[in-house]
Protein backbone atom coordinates (compact mmCIF):
# COMPACT_ATOMS: atom_id res chain seq x y z
CA UNK A 1 -37.07 -8.26 -12.42
CA UNK A 2 -36.20 -6.43 -9.20
CA UNK A 3 -34.20 -7.84 -6.28
CA UNK A 4 -35.35 -7.62 -2.69
CA UNK A 5 -33.40 -5.16 -0.59
CA UNK A 6 -33.03 -7.56 2.37
CA UNK A 7 -32.56 -11.25 2.78
CA UNK A 8 -35.03 -12.58 5.31
CA UNK A 9 -33.46 -14.55 8.12
CA UNK A 10 -34.93 -17.96 8.68
CA UNK A 11 -37.19 -18.04 11.73
CA UNK A 12 -35.88 -19.55 14.89
CA UNK A 13 -32.86 -19.29 17.09
CA UNK A 14 -29.34 -18.72 15.82
CA UNK A 15 -26.50 -21.09 16.69
CA UNK A 16 -25.14 -18.61 19.23
CA UNK A 17 -28.56 -18.61 20.89
CA UNK A 18 -28.52 -22.40 21.13
CA UNK A 19 -25.07 -22.29 22.72
CA UNK A 20 -26.39 -19.77 25.26
CA UNK A 21 -29.38 -22.00 25.94
CA UNK A 22 -27.08 -24.98 26.52
CA UNK A 23 -24.93 -22.96 28.91
CA UNK A 24 -27.99 -21.70 30.80
CA UNK A 25 -29.35 -25.25 31.06
CA UNK A 26 -26.06 -26.59 32.44
CA UNK A 27 -25.92 -23.64 34.85
CA UNK A 28 -29.45 -24.42 36.03
CA UNK A 29 -28.65 -28.09 36.69
CA UNK A 30 -25.50 -27.19 38.64
CA UNK A 31 -27.30 -24.43 40.53
CA UNK A 32 -30.14 -26.73 41.58
CA UNK A 33 -27.66 -29.39 42.74
CA UNK A 34 -25.96 -27.01 45.16
CA UNK A 35 -28.73 -26.92 47.82
CA UNK A 36 -28.94 -30.71 47.60
CA UNK A 37 -25.23 -31.05 48.35
CA UNK A 38 -25.52 -28.53 51.18
CA UNK A 39 -28.46 -30.47 52.59
CA UNK A 40 -26.48 -33.72 52.49
CA UNK A 41 -23.72 -32.02 54.45
CA UNK A 42 -26.10 -30.41 56.95
CA UNK A 43 -27.79 -33.76 57.58
CA UNK A 44 -24.50 -35.15 58.87
CA UNK A 45 -22.76 -36.64 55.83
CA UNK A 46 -19.50 -34.71 55.72
CA UNK A 47 -18.76 -35.88 52.17
CA UNK A 48 -21.60 -33.56 51.15
CA UNK A 49 -19.33 -30.59 51.85
CA UNK A 50 -16.79 -31.83 49.30
CA UNK A 51 -19.58 -32.20 46.74
CA UNK A 52 -20.81 -28.71 47.61
CA UNK A 53 -17.34 -27.28 46.96
CA UNK A 54 -17.08 -29.11 43.61
CA UNK A 55 -20.56 -27.85 42.74
CA UNK A 56 -19.53 -24.29 43.60
CA UNK A 57 -16.55 -24.58 41.27
CA UNK A 58 -18.81 -25.95 38.55
CA UNK A 59 -21.37 -23.15 38.96
CA UNK A 60 -18.54 -20.62 38.70
CA UNK A 61 -17.02 -22.17 35.56
CA UNK A 62 -20.39 -22.59 33.89
CA UNK A 63 -21.22 -18.98 34.71
CA UNK A 64 -18.08 -17.83 32.93
CA UNK A 65 -18.95 -20.04 29.95
CA UNK A 66 -22.44 -18.54 29.92
CA UNK A 67 -20.96 -15.02 29.84
CA UNK A 68 -18.89 -16.08 26.83
CA UNK A 69 -21.95 -17.44 25.08
CA UNK A 70 -23.84 -14.25 25.93
CA UNK A 71 -21.06 -12.19 24.32
CA UNK A 72 -21.57 -14.22 21.13
CA UNK A 73 -25.31 -13.55 21.30
CA UNK A 74 -24.66 -9.84 21.78
CA UNK A 75 -22.34 -9.73 18.78
CA UNK A 76 -24.28 -12.03 16.45
CA UNK A 77 -27.91 -11.43 17.46
CA UNK A 78 -27.61 -7.89 18.86
CA UNK A 79 -29.19 -8.73 22.22
CA UNK A 80 -27.28 -7.31 25.18
CA UNK A 81 -29.52 -8.38 28.07
CA UNK A 82 -28.21 -11.99 28.22
CA UNK A 83 -24.68 -10.65 28.72
CA UNK A 84 -25.66 -8.31 31.55
CA UNK A 85 -27.84 -10.94 33.23
CA UNK A 86 -25.09 -13.56 32.95
CA UNK A 87 -22.49 -11.12 34.26
CA UNK A 88 -24.74 -10.37 37.26
CA UNK A 89 -24.98 -14.11 37.94
CA UNK A 90 -21.19 -14.45 37.84
CA UNK A 91 -20.85 -11.54 40.26
CA UNK A 92 -23.44 -13.12 42.56
CA UNK A 93 -21.74 -16.52 42.34
CA UNK A 94 -18.40 -14.93 43.20
CA UNK A 95 -19.87 -13.23 46.27
CA UNK A 96 -21.61 -16.47 47.19
CA UNK A 97 -18.38 -18.44 46.84
CA UNK A 98 -16.41 -16.00 48.99
CA UNK A 99 -19.12 -15.89 51.66
CA UNK A 100 -19.13 -19.68 51.82
CA UNK A 101 -15.35 -19.93 52.05
CA UNK A 102 -15.37 -17.33 54.83
CA UNK A 103 -18.09 -19.19 56.73
CA UNK A 104 -20.46 -16.21 56.59
CA UNK A 105 -23.60 -18.35 56.49
CA UNK A 106 -25.79 -15.31 57.29
CA UNK A 107 -24.84 -14.09 53.79
CA UNK A 108 -24.18 -17.42 52.08
CA UNK A 109 -27.70 -18.84 52.53
CA UNK A 110 -29.75 -15.85 51.27
CA UNK A 111 -27.31 -15.25 48.42
CA UNK A 112 -27.66 -18.90 47.45
CA UNK A 113 -31.44 -18.59 47.29
CA UNK A 114 -31.18 -15.41 45.22
CA UNK A 115 -28.58 -16.95 42.94
CA UNK A 116 -30.63 -20.06 42.19
CA UNK A 117 -33.68 -17.85 41.54
CA UNK A 118 -31.61 -15.68 39.18
CA UNK A 119 -30.22 -18.71 37.36
CA UNK A 120 -33.76 -20.04 36.91
CA UNK A 121 -35.00 -16.65 35.67
CA UNK A 122 -32.24 -16.36 33.06
CA UNK A 123 -32.84 -19.95 31.99
CA UNK A 124 -36.55 -19.24 31.51
CA UNK A 125 -35.85 -15.99 29.64
CA UNK A 126 -33.44 -17.52 27.12
CA UNK A 127 -35.81 -20.41 26.42
CA UNK A 128 -39.02 -18.32 26.36
CA UNK A 129 -38.41 -16.53 23.08
CA UNK A 130 -36.24 -17.13 20.05
CA UNK A 131 -32.89 -15.46 19.63
CA UNK A 132 -33.14 -15.05 15.85
CA UNK A 133 -30.36 -14.54 13.39
CA UNK A 134 -29.66 -11.04 12.14
CA UNK A 135 -30.97 -10.05 8.74
CA UNK A 136 -28.40 -9.02 6.20
CA UNK A 137 -28.88 -6.38 3.57
CA UNK A 138 -28.56 -7.66 0.02
CA UNK A 139 -26.30 -5.75 -2.32
CA UNK A 140 -28.23 -3.48 -4.67
CA UNK A 141 -27.74 -4.38 -8.27
């Protein structure tokens, strides 16, 4: 009787992929809330600005968490694109945050639109296809 040379990985997404999906989902929810908070503020409710600032902090923290999850996916699943996409989102969120704090609305608004679109695109990409576990070679006997 002869052994197989590889152990087939079970189909589906690895645990690290599910963690990345959870991070991307939380990032999407926080990213979509930001224009709502800005709209509340712009309609005259000044408490909306405080919510917008808290939301900006949350988007930043969730972006960093998503980068961490993407590192795990890169190491465990051997997919690098989630890391680079997540890192680009963190860079965009940082620029967005600084533009907002500086009052540069000419930059803050279009960056916000681009950032929410990027967050949605990464969310769709990580949910569109499985991030399967790596296959391991079986020892030859």
